[in-house]
Amino acid sequence: MPPAPDDARTALWPPDGPGVVRFPSGRLVRGRGLRHPLPDGPVPTYAVHLLGGRPPDVPWEARLLRWPDFRLPADAAQARTVLAEVWERAATERVEVACGGGRGRTGTALACLAVLDGVPPDRAVEWVRRHYHPRAVETPWQKRYVRRFAG
């Protein structure tokens, strides 16, 4: 018997929902700026907050990945592990990655997810700008981080 459409563990994002990115594999991940209101519709089942400080309290499962604004993750090995978990969980859950504004750190994380999903590292920033936001991945070092993420 198929799951009910609103089953919290198996229902995915609406593909045309705000901030939702469809990766080449079909996985859907929502990117969001935490300074903006929560979009209407379903809430995440799992979120990763890319912040330099304390994350907001949310009623769904969430974790912090320390990542100061305009910078890179504080712990590259932890970032790789967390983003791999995001990619895995996105196959069956509504997963969200979010930073303050929703462009730099979120765009960088989404570009790294694109690399995990098979987009060549040297094309991942362009890919995420086309599929998420034209100004995603804001700094030269964030772009370099994405290019080096595969290795």
N, C-alpha and C. Protein backbone atom coordinates (compact mmCIF):
# COMPACT_ATOMS: atom_id res chain seq x y z
N MET A 1 0.85 -1.18 0.00
CA MET A 1 0.00 0.00 0.00
C MET A 1 0.89 1.25 0.00
N PRO A 2 0.69 2.20 -0.91
CA PRO A 2 1.53 3.40 -0.95
C PRO A 2 1.27 4.28 0.27
N PRO A 3 2.27 5.08 0.68
CA PRO A 3 2.09 5.95 1.83
C PRO A 3 1.06 7.03 1.55
N ALA A 4 0.43 7.51 2.60
CA ALA A 4 -0.51 8.62 2.48
C ALA A 4 0.25 9.85 1.98
N PRO A 5 -0.39 10.72 1.19
CA PRO A 5 0.32 11.88 0.61
C PRO A 5 1.00 12.77 1.64
N ASP A 6 0.46 12.88 2.85
CA ASP A 6 1.04 13.77 3.84
C ASP A 6 1.87 13.04 4.89
N ASP A 7 2.21 11.77 4.65
CA ASP A 7 3.02 11.03 5.61
C ASP A 7 4.31 11.81 5.85
N ALA A 8 4.54 12.20 7.09
CA ALA A 8 5.65 13.09 7.43
C ALA A 8 7.02 12.54 7.07
N ARG A 9 7.19 11.23 6.99
CA ARG A 9 8.49 10.66 6.71
C ARG A 9 8.72 10.38 5.23
N THR A 10 7.68 10.30 4.42
CA THR A 10 7.89 9.92 3.03
C THR A 10 7.42 10.94 2.01
N ALA A 11 6.60 11.88 2.40
CA ALA A 11 6.15 12.89 1.44
C ALA A 11 7.31 13.82 1.12
N LEU A 12 7.52 14.10 -0.16
CA LEU A 12 8.61 14.97 -0.57
C LEU A 12 8.11 16.39 -0.80
N TRP A 13 9.03 17.28 -1.10
CA TRP A 13 8.67 18.66 -1.41
C TRP A 13 7.87 18.72 -2.71
N PRO A 14 6.96 19.68 -2.82
CA PRO A 14 6.37 19.92 -4.14
C PRO A 14 7.50 20.43 -5.06
N PRO A 15 7.67 19.86 -6.23
CA PRO A 15 8.81 20.24 -7.09
C PRO A 15 8.85 21.72 -7.45
N ASP A 16 7.71 22.38 -7.47
CA ASP A 16 7.68 23.80 -7.81
C ASP A 16 7.57 24.68 -6.57
N GLY A 17 7.83 24.12 -5.39
CA GLY A 17 7.75 24.89 -4.15
C GLY A 17 8.87 25.91 -4.05
N PRO A 18 8.68 26.94 -3.22
CA PRO A 18 9.70 27.98 -3.08
C PRO A 18 11.03 27.42 -2.58
N GLY A 19 12.10 27.70 -3.31
CA GLY A 19 13.43 27.28 -2.92
C GLY A 19 13.76 25.82 -3.18
N VAL A 20 12.81 25.07 -3.73
CA VAL A 20 13.04 23.63 -3.95
C VAL A 20 13.90 23.43 -5.19
N VAL A 21 14.96 22.64 -5.03
CA VAL A 21 15.88 22.31 -6.11
C VAL A 21 15.71 20.83 -6.44
N ARG A 22 15.52 20.53 -7.72
CA ARG A 22 15.48 19.13 -8.17
C ARG A 22 16.86 18.81 -8.76
N PHE A 23 17.53 17.85 -8.14
CA PHE A 23 18.84 17.42 -8.60
C PHE A 23 18.69 16.43 -9.75
N PRO A 24 19.75 16.20 -10.51
CA PRO A 24 19.64 15.28 -11.64
C PRO A 24 19.09 13.90 -11.28
N SER A 25 19.35 13.44 -10.07
CA SER A 25 18.84 12.13 -9.63
C SER A 25 17.35 12.15 -9.34
N GLY A 26 16.76 13.35 -9.26
CA GLY A 26 15.36 13.50 -8.89
C GLY A 26 15.18 13.89 -7.43
N ARG A 27 16.24 13.83 -6.64
CA ARG A 27 16.12 14.24 -5.24
C ARG A 27 15.73 15.72 -5.18
N LEU A 28 14.93 16.05 -4.17
CA LEU A 28 14.48 17.42 -3.95
C LEU A 28 15.01 17.91 -2.61
N VAL A 29 15.62 19.09 -2.60
CA VAL A 29 16.09 19.72 -1.37
C VAL A 29 15.64 21.17 -1.42
N ARG A 30 15.16 21.67 -0.29
CA ARG A 30 14.77 23.08 -0.25
C ARG A 30 15.89 23.91 0.37
N GLY A 31 16.23 25.00 -0.30
CA GLY A 31 17.14 25.99 0.24
C GLY A 31 16.31 27.16 0.76
N ARG A 32 16.79 27.78 1.84
CA ARG A 32 15.99 28.85 2.44
C ARG A 32 16.87 29.78 3.24
N GLY A 33 16.45 31.03 3.32
CA GLY A 33 17.06 32.01 4.21
C GLY A 33 16.25 32.07 5.49
N LEU A 34 16.90 31.87 6.62
CA LEU A 34 16.20 31.85 7.91
C LEU A 34 15.68 33.23 8.32
N ARG A 35 16.20 34.29 7.71
CA ARG A 35 15.68 35.64 8.02
C ARG A 35 14.35 35.92 7.32
N HIS A 36 13.96 35.03 6.41
CA HIS A 36 12.70 35.19 5.68
C HIS A 36 11.63 34.32 6.33
N PRO A 37 10.37 34.66 6.16
CA PRO A 37 9.30 33.84 6.75
C PRO A 37 9.30 32.42 6.18
N LEU A 38 8.88 31.50 7.00
CA LEU A 38 8.75 30.11 6.56
C LEU A 38 7.72 30.06 5.44
N PRO A 39 8.05 29.44 4.30
CA PRO A 39 7.08 29.37 3.20
C PRO A 39 5.84 28.57 3.60
N ASP A 40 4.73 28.89 2.97
CA ASP A 40 3.52 28.10 3.16
C ASP A 40 3.75 26.68 2.67
N GLY A 41 2.97 25.77 3.18
CA GLY A 41 3.06 24.38 2.72
C GLY A 41 3.73 23.49 3.75
N PRO A 42 4.20 22.33 3.29
CA PRO A 42 4.79 21.37 4.22
C PRO A 42 6.07 21.92 4.86
N VAL A 43 6.36 21.42 6.03
CA VAL A 43 7.59 21.78 6.74
C VAL A 43 8.61 20.67 6.53
N PRO A 44 9.88 20.97 6.79
CA PRO A 44 10.90 19.94 6.64
C PRO A 44 10.70 18.80 7.64
N THR A 45 11.23 17.64 7.29
CA THR A 45 11.35 16.57 8.27
C THR A 45 12.75 16.60 8.86
N TYR A 46 13.68 17.24 8.14
CA TYR A 46 15.06 17.36 8.59
C TYR A 46 15.65 18.62 7.99
N ALA A 47 16.39 19.38 8.79
CA ALA A 47 17.01 20.61 8.31
C ALA A 47 18.44 20.70 8.81
N VAL A 48 19.29 21.32 8.01
CA VAL A 48 20.64 21.64 8.42
C VAL A 48 20.77 23.16 8.36
N HIS A 49 21.10 23.75 9.50
CA HIS A 49 21.27 25.20 9.59
C HIS A 49 22.76 25.52 9.49
N LEU A 50 23.09 26.30 8.49
CA LEU A 50 24.47 26.68 8.18
C LEU A 50 24.73 28.05 8.80
N LEU A 51 25.14 28.06 10.05
CA LEU A 51 25.24 29.30 10.79
C LEU A 51 26.51 29.34 11.62
N GLY A 52 26.94 30.56 11.95
CA GLY A 52 28.10 30.74 12.82
C GLY A 52 27.74 30.71 14.29
N GLY A 53 26.45 30.84 14.58
CA GLY A 53 26.00 30.88 15.97
C GLY A 53 24.83 29.95 16.22
N ARG A 54 24.09 30.27 17.25
CA ARG A 54 22.98 29.42 17.69
C ARG A 54 21.87 29.36 16.64
N PRO A 55 21.43 28.14 16.32
CA PRO A 55 20.34 28.01 15.34
C PRO A 55 18.98 28.29 15.98
N PRO A 56 17.99 28.58 15.17
CA PRO A 56 16.65 28.79 15.72
C PRO A 56 16.06 27.47 16.22
N ASP A 57 15.15 27.58 17.17
CA ASP A 57 14.41 26.40 17.61
C ASP A 57 13.34 26.11 16.58
N VAL A 58 13.25 24.87 16.14
CA VAL A 58 12.24 24.46 15.17
C VAL A 58 11.60 23.17 15.66
N PRO A 59 10.36 22.91 15.26
CA PRO A 59 9.66 21.71 15.74
C PRO A 59 9.96 20.45 14.93
N TRP A 60 10.96 20.47 14.05
CA TRP A 60 11.35 19.30 13.28
C TRP A 60 12.82 19.01 13.59
N GLU A 61 13.28 17.85 13.19
CA GLU A 61 14.68 17.47 13.43
C GLU A 61 15.60 18.42 12.67
N ALA A 62 16.58 18.96 13.38
CA ALA A 62 17.52 19.90 12.76
C ALA A 62 18.87 19.77 13.43
N ARG A 63 19.89 20.14 12.68
CA ARG A 63 21.22 20.18 13.25
C ARG A 63 21.95 21.40 12.74
N LEU A 64 22.95 21.79 13.49
CA LEU A 64 23.79 22.94 13.14
C LEU A 64 25.06 22.45 12.46
N LEU A 65 25.39 23.09 11.36
CA LEU A 65 26.70 22.93 10.76
C LEU A 65 27.35 24.31 10.87
N ARG A 66 28.36 24.42 11.74
CA ARG A 66 28.98 25.73 11.96
C ARG A 66 29.62 26.24 10.67
N TRP A 67 29.09 27.41 10.25
CA TRP A 67 29.52 27.96 8.96
C TRP A 67 29.28 29.47 9.03
N PRO A 68 30.31 30.24 9.42
CA PRO A 68 30.14 31.70 9.54
C PRO A 68 29.76 32.34 8.20
N ASP A 69 29.03 33.43 8.27
CA ASP A 69 28.56 34.14 7.09
C ASP A 69 29.75 34.55 6.20
N PHE A 70 29.60 34.36 4.90
CA PHE A 70 30.59 34.69 3.87
C PHE A 70 31.87 33.87 3.98
N ARG A 71 31.85 32.80 4.74
CA ARG A 71 33.05 31.99 4.93
C ARG A 71 32.79 30.55 4.48
N LEU A 72 33.62 29.64 5.00
CA LEU A 72 33.51 28.21 4.72
C LEU A 72 33.16 27.47 6.00
N PRO A 73 32.75 26.22 5.88
CA PRO A 73 32.42 25.46 7.10
C PRO A 73 33.61 25.43 8.06
N ALA A 74 33.32 25.51 9.34
CA ALA A 74 34.37 25.49 10.35
C ALA A 74 35.12 24.16 10.35
N ASP A 75 34.46 23.08 10.00
CA ASP A 75 35.06 21.74 9.99
C ASP A 75 34.70 21.08 8.65
N ALA A 76 35.67 21.02 7.75
CA ALA A 76 35.42 20.50 6.40
C ALA A 76 35.00 19.03 6.41
N ALA A 77 35.58 18.23 7.29
CA ALA A 77 35.22 16.81 7.35
C ALA A 77 33.78 16.65 7.84
N GLN A 78 33.40 17.43 8.84
CA GLN A 78 32.02 17.38 9.33
C GLN A 78 31.06 17.84 8.23
N ALA A 79 31.43 18.87 7.50
CA ALA A 79 30.57 19.38 6.42
C ALA A 79 30.34 18.30 5.38
N ARG A 80 31.38 17.59 5.00
CA ARG A 80 31.24 16.51 4.02
C ARG A 80 30.29 15.44 4.53
N THR A 81 30.41 15.07 5.80
CA THR A 81 29.54 14.05 6.41
C THR A 81 28.10 14.53 6.46
N VAL A 82 27.89 15.75 6.90
CA VAL A 82 26.53 16.30 7.02
C VAL A 82 25.88 16.42 5.65
N LEU A 83 26.62 16.93 4.65
CA LEU A 83 26.04 17.08 3.32
C LEU A 83 25.75 15.73 2.68
N ALA A 84 26.59 14.73 2.94
CA ALA A 84 26.29 13.38 2.44
C ALA A 84 25.01 12.85 3.09
N GLU A 85 24.80 13.17 4.36
CA GLU A 85 23.56 12.76 5.03
C GLU A 85 22.35 13.48 4.43
N VAL A 86 22.50 14.76 4.14
CA VAL A 86 21.42 15.52 3.49
C VAL A 86 21.06 14.85 2.17
N TRP A 87 22.07 14.53 1.36
CA TRP A 87 21.83 13.92 0.06
C TRP A 87 21.12 12.58 0.21
N GLU A 88 21.55 11.75 1.15
CA GLU A 88 20.91 10.45 1.38
C GLU A 88 19.46 10.61 1.84
N ARG A 89 19.24 11.47 2.82
CA ARG A 89 17.89 11.62 3.39
C ARG A 89 16.93 12.26 2.40
N ALA A 90 17.45 13.06 1.47
CA ALA A 90 16.58 13.72 0.49
C ALA A 90 15.89 12.72 -0.44
N ALA A 91 16.36 11.50 -0.47
CA ALA A 91 15.73 10.48 -1.31
C ALA A 91 14.34 10.12 -0.79
N THR A 92 14.11 10.29 0.52
CA THR A 92 12.83 9.86 1.10
C THR A 92 12.20 10.88 2.04
N GLU A 93 12.88 12.01 2.27
CA GLU A 93 12.38 12.99 3.24
C GLU A 93 12.41 14.41 2.67
N ARG A 94 11.69 15.30 3.34
CA ARG A 94 11.73 16.73 3.02
C ARG A 94 12.90 17.34 3.79
N VAL A 95 13.99 17.55 3.07
CA VAL A 95 15.21 18.06 3.68
C VAL A 95 15.41 19.51 3.25
N GLU A 96 15.83 20.33 4.20
CA GLU A 96 16.07 21.74 3.94
C GLU A 96 17.48 22.09 4.40
N VAL A 97 18.17 22.93 3.61
CA VAL A 97 19.42 23.55 4.06
C VAL A 97 19.15 25.05 4.11
N ALA A 98 19.62 25.69 5.17
CA ALA A 98 19.27 27.09 5.35
C ALA A 98 20.37 27.84 6.08
N CYS A 99 20.62 29.06 5.63
CA CYS A 99 21.52 29.99 6.31
C CYS A 99 20.72 31.27 6.56
N GLY A 100 21.38 32.32 6.94
CA GLY A 100 20.67 33.56 7.23
C GLY A 100 19.91 34.12 6.04
N GLY A 101 20.62 34.37 4.95
CA GLY A 101 19.99 34.97 3.78
C GLY A 101 19.54 33.99 2.72
N GLY A 102 20.08 32.79 2.74
CA GLY A 102 19.66 31.76 1.80
C GLY A 102 20.40 31.75 0.48
N ARG A 103 21.53 32.46 0.37
CA ARG A 103 22.22 32.51 -0.92
C ARG A 103 23.65 31.97 -0.86
N GLY A 104 24.49 32.56 -0.03
CA GLY A 104 25.91 32.20 -0.02
C GLY A 104 26.18 30.81 0.52
N ARG A 105 25.95 30.63 1.82
CA ARG A 105 26.21 29.32 2.42
C ARG A 105 25.24 28.28 1.91
N THR A 106 23.96 28.64 1.79
CA THR A 106 22.97 27.70 1.27
C THR A 106 23.29 27.33 -0.16
N GLY A 107 23.62 28.31 -0.99
CA GLY A 107 23.98 28.04 -2.38
C GLY A 107 25.22 27.16 -2.48
N THR A 108 26.20 27.41 -1.61
CA THR A 108 27.41 26.60 -1.60
C THR A 108 27.09 25.16 -1.22
N ALA A 109 26.26 24.98 -0.19
CA ALA A 109 25.86 23.63 0.22
C ALA A 109 25.09 22.94 -0.90
N LEU A 110 24.18 23.65 -1.56
CA LEU A 110 23.42 23.06 -2.67
C LEU A 110 24.36 22.69 -3.83
N ALA A 111 25.36 23.51 -4.10
CA ALA A 111 26.31 23.18 -5.16
C ALA A 111 27.12 21.93 -4.79
N CYS A 112 27.47 21.79 -3.52
CA CYS A 112 28.16 20.58 -3.07
C CYS A 112 27.25 19.36 -3.20
N LEU A 113 25.97 19.53 -2.91
CA LEU A 113 25.01 18.44 -3.10
C LEU A 113 24.92 18.07 -4.58
N ALA A 114 24.99 19.07 -5.44
CA ALA A 114 24.97 18.80 -6.88
C ALA A 114 26.18 17.96 -7.28
N VAL A 115 27.33 18.24 -6.68
CA VAL A 115 28.53 17.44 -6.95
C VAL A 115 28.29 16.00 -6.50
N LEU A 116 27.73 15.83 -5.29
CA LEU A 116 27.42 14.48 -4.80
C LEU A 116 26.45 13.77 -5.74
N ASP A 117 25.61 14.54 -6.40
CA ASP A 117 24.58 13.99 -7.28
C ASP A 117 25.09 13.76 -8.71
N GLY A 118 26.36 14.08 -8.94
CA GLY A 118 26.94 13.78 -10.25
C GLY A 118 27.23 14.97 -11.14
N VAL A 119 26.90 16.19 -10.72
CA VAL A 119 27.24 17.37 -11.52
C VAL A 119 28.76 17.57 -11.40
N PRO A 120 29.46 17.77 -12.51
CA PRO A 120 30.92 18.00 -12.42
C PRO A 120 31.23 19.20 -11.51
N PRO A 121 32.24 19.08 -10.64
CA PRO A 121 32.55 20.15 -9.69
C PRO A 121 32.78 21.52 -10.35
N ASP A 122 33.37 21.54 -11.54
CA ASP A 122 33.63 22.82 -12.20
C ASP A 122 32.37 23.43 -12.82
N ARG A 123 31.25 22.72 -12.78
CA ARG A 123 29.98 23.24 -13.32
C ARG A 123 28.92 23.39 -12.25
N ALA A 124 29.22 22.98 -11.02
CA ALA A 124 28.20 22.94 -9.97
C ALA A 124 27.70 24.33 -9.56
N VAL A 125 28.57 25.32 -9.51
CA VAL A 125 28.12 26.67 -9.14
C VAL A 125 27.17 27.20 -10.21
N GLU A 126 27.56 27.07 -11.46
CA GLU A 126 26.68 27.50 -12.56
C GLU A 126 25.34 26.76 -12.48
N TRP A 127 25.40 25.46 -12.20
CA TRP A 127 24.19 24.64 -12.12
C TRP A 127 23.26 25.14 -11.02
N VAL A 128 23.80 25.41 -9.83
CA VAL A 128 22.95 25.85 -8.72
C VAL A 128 22.42 27.26 -8.96
N ARG A 129 23.18 28.09 -9.62
CA ARG A 129 22.68 29.43 -9.96
C ARG A 129 21.52 29.34 -10.95
N ARG A 130 21.56 28.38 -11.82
CA ARG A 130 20.47 28.20 -12.79
C ARG A 130 19.23 27.57 -12.14
N HIS A 131 19.43 26.66 -11.21
CA HIS A 131 18.32 25.91 -10.64
C HIS A 131 17.83 26.39 -9.28
N TYR A 132 18.59 27.28 -8.61
CA TYR A 132 18.19 27.76 -7.29
C TYR A 132 18.09 29.28 -7.25
N HIS A 133 19.22 29.96 -7.38
CA HIS A 133 19.22 31.42 -7.32
C HIS A 133 20.41 31.95 -8.12
N PRO A 134 20.21 32.99 -8.94
CA PRO A 134 21.30 33.50 -9.78
C PRO A 134 22.51 34.04 -9.02
N ARG A 135 22.32 34.39 -7.74
CA ARG A 135 23.45 34.91 -6.95
C ARG A 135 23.89 33.93 -5.87
N ALA A 136 23.54 32.65 -6.03
CA ALA A 136 23.99 31.64 -5.07
C ALA A 136 25.51 31.49 -5.15
N VAL A 137 26.11 31.15 -4.04
CA VAL A 137 27.56 31.00 -3.90
C VAL A 137 28.19 32.38 -4.10
N GLU A 138 28.43 33.07 -3.01
CA GLU A 138 28.73 34.50 -3.09
C GLU A 138 30.21 34.87 -3.18
N THR A 139 31.10 34.06 -2.66
CA THR A 139 32.49 34.50 -2.58
C THR A 139 33.41 33.61 -3.43
N PRO A 140 34.58 34.13 -3.79
CA PRO A 140 35.54 33.31 -4.56
C PRO A 140 35.94 32.04 -3.80
N TRP A 141 36.10 32.13 -2.47
CA TRP A 141 36.51 30.95 -1.71
C TRP A 141 35.39 29.93 -1.60
N GLN A 142 34.13 30.37 -1.63
CA GLN A 142 33.01 29.41 -1.67
C GLN A 142 33.01 28.69 -3.02
N LYS A 143 33.25 29.41 -4.11
CA LYS A 143 33.34 28.78 -5.43
C LYS A 143 34.47 27.75 -5.47
N ARG A 144 35.62 28.13 -4.92
CA ARG A 144 36.77 27.22 -4.88
C ARG A 144 36.46 25.98 -4.03
N TYR A 145 35.76 26.18 -2.92
CA TYR A 145 35.36 25.07 -2.04
C TYR A 145 34.51 24.05 -2.82
N VAL A 146 33.57 24.54 -3.61
CA VAL A 146 32.73 23.65 -4.41
C VAL A 146 33.57 22.89 -5.42
N ARG A 147 34.47 23.59 -6.12
CA ARG A 147 35.31 22.93 -7.13
C ARG A 147 36.17 21.83 -6.52
N ARG A 148 36.57 22.01 -5.27
CA ARG A 148 37.44 21.04 -4.60
C ARG A 148 36.66 20.02 -3.77
N PHE A 149 35.34 20.15 -3.72
CA PHE A 149 34.53 19.30 -2.84
C PHE A 149 34.64 17.82 -3.20
N ALA A 150 34.73 17.50 -4.47
CA ALA A 150 34.77 16.09 -4.90
C ALA A 150 36.05 15.40 -4.44
N GLY A 151 37.15 16.13 -4.31
CA GLY A 151 38.42 15.51 -3.98
C GLY A 151 38.74 15.68 -2.54
